[in-house]
Amino acid sequence: MSAGDKRLKELRDKLDSELEFDLEEHAKELFDLRFKASAEGIANPSRISQLRREIARINTLLSERQLNVRGAQPRS
């Protein structure tokens, strides 16, 4: 099992409320990193890509649960 598969399994095990909280936190961090990158530069620019992918994964899981795709049920 690759690291990406493990991370996806961890996300699938979370409740919807936990995913929404993670989504907010990642969005805030992404905003801060983009601001810092444009103003002064950042030490780890690849973190922006990582955050964008993580946000996309969370949004995909939430959408799957909402639409009951792949047997994913909303979890409160």
PDB file of N, CA and C in Angstrom:
ATOM      1  N   MET A   1       0.852  -1.180   0.000  1.00  0.00           N
ATOM      2  CA  MET A   1       0.000   0.000   0.000  1.00  0.00           C
ATOM      3  C   MET A   1       0.894   1.238   0.000  1.00  0.00           C
ATOM      4  N   SER A   2       0.660   2.125  -0.931  1.00  0.00           N
ATOM      5  CA  SER A   2       1.475   3.329  -1.036  1.00  0.00           C
ATOM      6  C   SER A   2       1.046   4.368  -0.002  1.00  0.00           C
ATOM      7  N   ALA A   3       1.860   5.397   0.133  1.00  0.00           N
ATOM      8  CA  ALA A   3       1.559   6.455   1.102  1.00  0.00           C
ATOM      9  C   ALA A   3       0.267   7.179   0.742  1.00  0.00           C
ATOM     10  N   GLY A   4       0.017   7.370  -0.554  1.00  0.00           N
ATOM     11  CA  GLY A   4      -1.210   8.028  -0.994  1.00  0.00           C
ATOM     12  C   GLY A   4      -2.446   7.217  -0.652  1.00  0.00           C
ATOM     13  N   ASP A   5      -2.330   5.874  -0.785  1.00  0.00           N
ATOM     14  CA  ASP A   5      -3.444   4.997  -0.435  1.00  0.00           C
ATOM     15  C   ASP A   5      -3.735   5.050   1.062  1.00  0.00           C
ATOM     16  N   LYS A   6      -2.668   5.101   1.855  1.00  0.00           N
ATOM     17  CA  LYS A   6      -2.843   5.187   3.304  1.00  0.00           C
ATOM     18  C   LYS A   6      -3.523   6.492   3.684  1.00  0.00           C
ATOM     19  N   ARG A   7      -3.100   7.591   3.064  1.00  0.00           N
ATOM     20  CA  ARG A   7      -3.679   8.899   3.356  1.00  0.00           C
ATOM     21  C   ARG A   7      -5.160   8.930   2.956  1.00  0.00           C
ATOM     22  N   LEU A   8      -5.480   8.333   1.813  1.00  0.00           N
ATOM     23  CA  LEU A   8      -6.861   8.300   1.363  1.00  0.00           C
ATOM     24  C   LEU A   8      -7.714   7.461   2.311  1.00  0.00           C
ATOM     25  N   LYS A   9      -7.180   6.349   2.796  1.00  0.00           N
ATOM     26  CA  LYS A   9      -7.913   5.518   3.758  1.00  0.00           C
ATOM     27  C   LYS A   9      -8.171   6.298   5.043  1.00  0.00           C
ATOM     28  N   GLU A  10      -7.174   7.059   5.500  1.00  0.00           N
ATOM     29  CA  GLU A  10      -7.362   7.886   6.693  1.00  0.00           C
ATOM     30  C   GLU A  10      -8.485   8.895   6.479  1.00  0.00           C
ATOM     31  N   LEU A  11      -8.522   9.508   5.304  1.00  0.00           N
ATOM     32  CA  LEU A  11      -9.564  10.486   5.008  1.00  0.00           C
ATOM     33  C   LEU A  11     -10.937   9.822   4.936  1.00  0.00           C
ATOM     34  N   ARG A  12     -11.001   8.635   4.350  1.00  0.00           N
ATOM     35  CA  ARG A  12     -12.286   7.935   4.232  1.00  0.00           C
ATOM     36  C   ARG A  12     -12.830   7.542   5.607  1.00  0.00           C
ATOM     37  N   ASP A  13     -11.955   7.332   6.573  1.00  0.00           N
ATOM     38  CA  ASP A  13     -12.377   6.939   7.916  1.00  0.00           C
ATOM     39  C   ASP A  13     -12.892   8.105   8.751  1.00  0.00           C
ATOM     40  N   LYS A  14     -12.670   9.335   8.288  1.00  0.00           N
ATOM     41  CA  LYS A  14     -13.089  10.506   9.052  1.00  0.00           C
ATOM     42  C   LYS A  14     -14.565  10.808   8.843  1.00  0.00           C
ATOM     43  N   LEU A  15     -15.136  11.488   9.822  1.00  0.00           N
ATOM     44  CA  LEU A  15     -16.515  11.962   9.723  1.00  0.00           C
ATOM     45  C   LEU A  15     -16.571  13.183   8.812  1.00  0.00           C
ATOM     46  N   ASP A  16     -17.753  13.492   8.306  1.00  0.00           N
ATOM     47  CA  ASP A  16     -17.927  14.663   7.440  1.00  0.00           C
ATOM     48  C   ASP A  16     -17.502  15.950   8.145  1.00  0.00           C
ATOM     49  N   SER A  17     -17.853  16.067   9.415  1.00  0.00           N
ATOM     50  CA  SER A  17     -17.505  17.282  10.152  1.00  0.00           C
ATOM     51  C   SER A  17     -15.984  17.428  10.279  1.00  0.00           C
ATOM     52  N   GLU A  18     -15.284  16.312  10.451  1.00  0.00           N
ATOM     53  CA  GLU A  18     -13.821  16.365  10.529  1.00  0.00           C
ATOM     54  C   GLU A  18     -13.221  16.769   9.184  1.00  0.00           C
ATOM     55  N   LEU A  19     -13.798  16.242   8.110  1.00  0.00           N
ATOM     56  CA  LEU A  19     -13.318  16.601   6.773  1.00  0.00           C
ATOM     57  C   LEU A  19     -13.540  18.081   6.488  1.00  0.00           C
ATOM     58  N   GLU A  20     -14.697  18.589   6.880  1.00  0.00           N
ATOM     59  CA  GLU A  20     -14.985  20.008   6.659  1.00  0.00           C
ATOM     60  C   GLU A  20     -14.041  20.887   7.469  1.00  0.00           C
ATOM     61  N   PHE A  21     -13.711  20.458   8.687  1.00  0.00           N
ATOM     62  CA  PHE A  21     -12.760  21.209   9.505  1.00  0.00           C
ATOM     63  C   PHE A  21     -11.380  21.200   8.845  1.00  0.00           C
ATOM     64  N   ASP A  22     -10.930  20.012   8.384  1.00  0.00           N
ATOM     65  CA  ASP A  22      -9.640  19.908   7.697  1.00  0.00           C
ATOM     66  C   ASP A  22      -9.620  20.782   6.448  1.00  0.00           C
ATOM     67  N   LEU A  23     -10.736  20.805   5.737  1.00  0.00           N
ATOM     68  CA  LEU A  23     -10.838  21.607   4.522  1.00  0.00           C
ATOM     69  C   LEU A  23     -10.631  23.085   4.827  1.00  0.00           C
ATOM     70  N   GLU A  24     -11.270  23.565   5.882  1.00  0.00           N
ATOM     71  CA  GLU A  24     -11.099  24.967   6.288  1.00  0.00           C
ATOM     72  C   GLU A  24      -9.658  25.268   6.671  1.00  0.00           C
ATOM     73  N   GLU A  25      -9.056  24.377   7.438  1.00  0.00           N
ATOM     74  CA  GLU A  25      -7.672  24.586   7.879  1.00  0.00           C
ATOM     75  C   GLU A  25      -6.706  24.603   6.696  1.00  0.00           C
ATOM     76  N   HIS A  26      -6.895  23.671   5.759  1.00  0.00           N
ATOM     77  CA  HIS A  26      -6.026  23.631   4.576  1.00  0.00           C
ATOM     78  C   HIS A  26      -6.207  24.876   3.709  1.00  0.00           C
ATOM     79  N   ALA A  27      -7.443  25.343   3.587  1.00  0.00           N
ATOM     80  CA  ALA A  27      -7.702  26.543   2.791  1.00  0.00           C
ATOM     81  C   ALA A  27      -7.026  27.764   3.410  1.00  0.00           C
ATOM     82  N   LYS A  28      -7.075  27.874   4.739  1.00  0.00           N
ATOM     83  CA  LYS A  28      -6.399  28.983   5.419  1.00  0.00           C
ATOM     84  C   LYS A  28      -4.899  28.911   5.219  1.00  0.00           C
ATOM     85  N   GLU A  29      -4.344  27.697   5.375  1.00  0.00           N
ATOM     86  CA  GLU A  29      -2.896  27.534   5.201  1.00  0.00           C
ATOM     87  C   GLU A  29      -2.482  27.851   3.770  1.00  0.00           C
ATOM     88  N   LEU A  30      -3.284  27.418   2.796  1.00  0.00           N
ATOM     89  CA  LEU A  30      -2.983  27.691   1.398  1.00  0.00           C
ATOM     90  C   LEU A  30      -2.994  29.196   1.129  1.00  0.00           C
ATOM     91  N   PHE A  31      -3.982  29.892   1.671  1.00  0.00           N
ATOM     92  CA  PHE A  31      -4.058  31.344   1.503  1.00  0.00           C
ATOM     93  C   PHE A  31      -2.810  32.006   2.076  1.00  0.00           C
ATOM     94  N   ASP A  32      -2.428  31.612   3.286  1.00  0.00           N
ATOM     95  CA  ASP A  32      -1.245  32.191   3.922  1.00  0.00           C
ATOM     96  C   ASP A  32       0.023  31.917   3.120  1.00  0.00           C
ATOM     97  N   LEU A  33       0.163  30.680   2.622  1.00  0.00           N
ATOM     98  CA  LEU A  33       1.353  30.336   1.844  1.00  0.00           C
ATOM     99  C   LEU A  33       1.418  31.123   0.542  1.00  0.00           C
ATOM    100  N   ARG A  34       0.285  31.271  -0.123  1.00  0.00           N
ATOM    101  CA  ARG A  34       0.272  32.039  -1.372  1.00  0.00           C
ATOM    102  C   ARG A  34       0.632  33.497  -1.111  1.00  0.00           C
ATOM    103  N   PHE A  35       0.130  34.028  -0.030  1.00  0.00           N
ATOM    104  CA  PHE A  35       0.433  35.417   0.320  1.00  0.00           C
ATOM    105  C   PHE A  35       1.926  35.573   0.613  1.00  0.00           C
ATOM    106  N   LYS A  36       2.472  34.671   1.421  1.00  0.00           N
ATOM    107  CA  LYS A  36       3.894  34.733   1.753  1.00  0.00           C
ATOM    108  C   LYS A  36       4.761  34.530   0.520  1.00  0.00           C
ATOM    109  N   ALA A  37       4.351  33.613  -0.362  1.00  0.00           N
ATOM    110  CA  ALA A  37       5.133  33.332  -1.563  1.00  0.00           C
ATOM    111  C   ALA A  37       5.219  34.556  -2.458  1.00  0.00           C
ATOM    112  N   SER A  38       4.142  35.306  -2.553  1.00  0.00           N
ATOM    113  CA  SER A  38       4.160  36.480  -3.422  1.00  0.00           C
ATOM    114  C   SER A  38       4.898  37.642  -2.765  1.00  0.00           C
ATOM    115  N   ALA A  39       4.868  37.702  -1.444  1.00  0.00           N
ATOM    116  CA  ALA A  39       5.487  38.830  -0.746  1.00  0.00           C
ATOM    117  C   ALA A  39       6.982  38.625  -0.501  1.00  0.00           C
ATOM    118  N   GLU A  40       7.355  37.451  -0.020  1.00  0.00           N
ATOM    119  CA  GLU A  40       8.745  37.271   0.403  1.00  0.00           C
ATOM    120  C   GLU A  40       9.375  35.967  -0.033  1.00  0.00           C
ATOM    121  N   GLY A  41       8.601  35.031  -0.500  1.00  0.00           N
ATOM    122  CA  GLY A  41       9.128  33.724  -0.850  1.00  0.00           C
ATOM    123  C   GLY A  41       8.999  32.783   0.335  1.00  0.00           C
ATOM    124  N   ILE A  42       8.898  31.493   0.025  1.00  0.00           N
ATOM    125  CA  ILE A  42       8.738  30.507   1.086  1.00  0.00           C
ATOM    126  C   ILE A  42       9.794  29.425   0.936  1.00  0.00           C
ATOM    127  N   ALA A  43      10.079  28.743   2.030  1.00  0.00           N
ATOM    128  CA  ALA A  43      11.129  27.727   2.045  1.00  0.00           C
ATOM    129  C   ALA A  43      10.719  26.470   1.281  1.00  0.00           C
ATOM    130  N   ASN A  44       9.437  26.120   1.328  1.00  0.00           N
ATOM    131  CA  ASN A  44       8.972  24.885   0.709  1.00  0.00           C
ATOM    132  C   ASN A  44       7.813  25.175  -0.255  1.00  0.00           C
ATOM    133  N   PRO A  45       8.108  25.600  -1.476  1.00  0.00           N
ATOM    134  CA  PRO A  45       7.040  25.957  -2.405  1.00  0.00           C
ATOM    135  C   PRO A  45       6.188  24.761  -2.843  1.00  0.00           C
ATOM    136  N   SER A  46       6.697  23.551  -2.714  1.00  0.00           N
ATOM    137  CA  SER A  46       5.906  22.380  -3.110  1.00  0.00           C
ATOM    138  C   SER A  46       4.736  22.143  -2.157  1.00  0.00           C
ATOM    139  N   ARG A  47       4.764  22.763  -0.983  1.00  0.00           N
ATOM    140  CA  ARG A  47       3.675  22.626  -0.020  1.00  0.00           C
ATOM    141  C   ARG A  47       2.366  23.170  -0.602  1.00  0.00           C
ATOM    142  N   ILE A  48       2.460  24.179  -1.468  1.00  0.00           N
ATOM    143  CA  ILE A  48       1.261  24.733  -2.105  1.00  0.00           C
ATOM    144  C   ILE A  48       0.577  23.661  -2.939  1.00  0.00           C
ATOM    145  N   SER A  49       1.333  22.920  -3.719  1.00  0.00           N
ATOM    146  CA  SER A  49       0.760  21.843  -4.534  1.00  0.00           C
ATOM    147  C   SER A  49       0.181  20.742  -3.669  1.00  0.00           C
ATOM    148  N   GLN A  50       0.876  20.412  -2.596  1.00  0.00           N
ATOM    149  CA  GLN A  50       0.380  19.379  -1.688  1.00  0.00           C
ATOM    150  C   GLN A  50      -0.964  19.780  -1.096  1.00  0.00           C
ATOM    151  N   LEU A  51      -1.080  21.029  -0.682  1.00  0.00           N
ATOM    152  CA  LEU A  51      -2.326  21.505  -0.098  1.00  0.00           C
ATOM    153  C   LEU A  51      -3.459  21.513  -1.120  1.00  0.00           C
ATOM    154  N   ARG A  52      -3.150  21.928  -2.339  1.00  0.00           N
ATOM    155  CA  ARG A  52      -4.181  21.940  -3.379  1.00  0.00           C
ATOM    156  C   ARG A  52      -4.707  20.532  -3.631  1.00  0.00           C
ATOM    157  N   ARG A  53      -3.820  19.554  -3.661  1.00  0.00           N
ATOM    158  CA  ARG A  53      -4.238  18.166  -3.874  1.00  0.00           C
ATOM    159  C   ARG A  53      -5.054  17.642  -2.703  1.00  0.00           C
ATOM    160  N   GLU A  54      -4.630  17.981  -1.493  1.00  0.00           N
ATOM    161  CA  GLU A  54      -5.348  17.543  -0.299  1.00  0.00           C
ATOM    162  C   GLU A  54      -6.759  18.137  -0.268  1.00  0.00           C
ATOM    163  N   ILE A  55      -6.872  19.405  -0.623  1.00  0.00           N
ATOM    164  CA  ILE A  55      -8.185  20.058  -0.687  1.00  0.00           C
ATOM    165  C   ILE A  55      -9.060  19.367  -1.735  1.00  0.00           C
ATOM    166  N   ALA A  56      -8.488  19.024  -2.866  1.00  0.00           N
ATOM    167  CA  ALA A  56      -9.240  18.339  -3.919  1.00  0.00           C
ATOM    168  C   ALA A  56      -9.707  16.964  -3.450  1.00  0.00           C
ATOM    169  N   ARG A  57      -8.840  16.235  -2.744  1.00  0.00           N
ATOM    170  CA  ARG A  57      -9.223  14.918  -2.223  1.00  0.00           C
ATOM    171  C   ARG A  57     -10.405  15.034  -1.264  1.00  0.00           C
ATOM    172  N   ILE A  58     -10.333  16.000  -0.359  1.00  0.00           N
ATOM    173  CA  ILE A  58     -11.402  16.173   0.623  1.00  0.00           C
ATOM    174  C   ILE A  58     -12.706  16.559  -0.063  1.00  0.00           C
ATOM    175  N   ASN A  59     -12.631  17.487  -1.013  1.00  0.00           N
ATOM    176  CA  ASN A  59     -13.835  17.891  -1.750  1.00  0.00           C
ATOM    177  C   ASN A  59     -14.433  16.710  -2.513  1.00  0.00           C
ATOM    178  N   THR A  60     -13.587  15.867  -3.088  1.00  0.00           N
ATOM    179  CA  THR A  60     -14.060  14.700  -3.814  1.00  0.00           C
ATOM    180  C   THR A  60     -14.765  13.731  -2.878  1.00  0.00           C
ATOM    181  N   LEU A  61     -14.175  13.465  -1.721  1.00  0.00           N
ATOM    182  CA  LEU A  61     -14.807  12.559  -0.757  1.00  0.00           C
ATOM    183  C   LEU A  61     -16.148  13.088  -0.282  1.00  0.00           C
ATOM    184  N   LEU A  62     -16.206  14.372   0.016  1.00  0.00           N
ATOM    185  CA  LEU A  62     -17.472  14.956   0.462  1.00  0.00           C
ATOM    186  C   LEU A  62     -18.533  14.879  -0.631  1.00  0.00           C
ATOM    187  N   SER A  63     -18.136  15.099  -1.869  1.00  0.00           N
ATOM    188  CA  SER A  63     -19.079  15.011  -2.989  1.00  0.00           C
ATOM    189  C   SER A  63     -19.552  13.574  -3.189  1.00  0.00           C
ATOM    190  N   GLU A  64     -18.632  12.617  -3.104  1.00  0.00           N
ATOM    191  CA  GLU A  64     -19.002  11.209  -3.234  1.00  0.00           C
ATOM    192  C   GLU A  64     -20.009  10.817  -2.165  1.00  0.00           C
ATOM    193  N   ARG A  65     -19.783  11.269  -0.958  1.00  0.00           N
ATOM    194  CA  ARG A  65     -20.693  10.933   0.131  1.00  0.00           C
ATOM    195  C   ARG A  65     -22.059  11.578  -0.091  1.00  0.00           C
ATOM    196  N   GLN A  66     -22.065  12.788  -0.586  1.00  0.00           N
ATOM    197  CA  GLN A  66     -23.324  13.484  -0.812  1.00  0.00           C
ATOM    198  C   GLN A  66     -24.136  12.814  -1.922  1.00  0.00           C
ATOM    199  N   LEU A  67     -23.435  12.310  -2.940  1.00  0.00           N
ATOM    200  CA  LEU A  67     -24.109  11.696  -4.086  1.00  0.00           C
ATOM    201  C   LEU A  67     -24.229  10.179  -3.967  1.00  0.00           C
ATOM    202  N   ASN A  68     -23.744   9.617  -2.863  1.00  0.00           N
ATOM    203  CA  ASN A  68     -23.748   8.163  -2.636  1.00  0.00           C
ATOM    204  C   ASN A  68     -23.020   7.410  -3.732  1.00  0.00           C
ATOM    205  N   VAL A  69     -21.886   7.917  -4.162  1.00  0.00           N
ATOM    206  CA  VAL A  69     -21.061   7.281  -5.170  1.00  0.00           C
ATOM    207  C   VAL A  69     -20.113   6.327  -4.464  1.00  0.00           C
ATOM    208  N   ARG A  70     -19.837   5.181  -5.092  1.00  0.00           N
ATOM    209  CA  ARG A  70     -18.921   4.172  -4.545  1.00  0.00           C
ATOM    210  C   ARG A  70     -19.355   3.697  -3.161  1.00  0.00           C
ATOM    211  N   GLY A  71     -20.615   3.738  -2.886  1.00  0.00           N
ATOM    212  CA  GLY A  71     -21.107   3.250  -1.611  1.00  0.00           C
ATOM    213  C   GLY A  71     -20.756   4.121  -0.423  1.00  0.00           C
ATOM    214  N   ALA A  72     -20.292   5.330  -0.685  1.00  0.00           N
ATOM    215  CA  ALA A  72     -19.905   6.244   0.400  1.00  0.00           C
ATOM    216  C   ALA A  72     -21.144   6.919   0.951  1.00  0.00           C
ATOM    217  N   GLN A  73     -21.391   6.721   2.215  1.00  0.00           N
ATOM    218  CA  GLN A  73     -22.544   7.327   2.888  1.00  0.00           C
ATOM    219  C   GLN A  73     -22.087   8.514   3.702  1.00  0.00           C
ATOM    220  N   PRO A  74     -22.894   9.564   3.774  1.00  0.00           N
ATOM    221  CA  PRO A  74     -22.547  10.690   4.658  1.00  0.00           C
ATOM    222  C   PRO A  74     -22.405  10.200   6.091  1.00  0.00           C
ATOM    223  N   ARG A  75     -21.367  10.675   6.743  1.00  0.00           N
ATOM    224  CA  ARG A  75     -21.104  10.269   8.117  1.00  0.00           C
ATOM    225  C   ARG A  75     -21.090  11.511   8.993  1.00  0.00           C
ATOM    226  N   SER A  76     -22.002  11.569   9.917  1.00  0.00           N
ATOM    227  CA  SER A  76     -22.104  12.741  10.796  1.00  0.00           C
ATOM    228  C   SER A  76     -21.183  12.659  11.964  1.00  0.00           C
TER     229      SER A  76
END
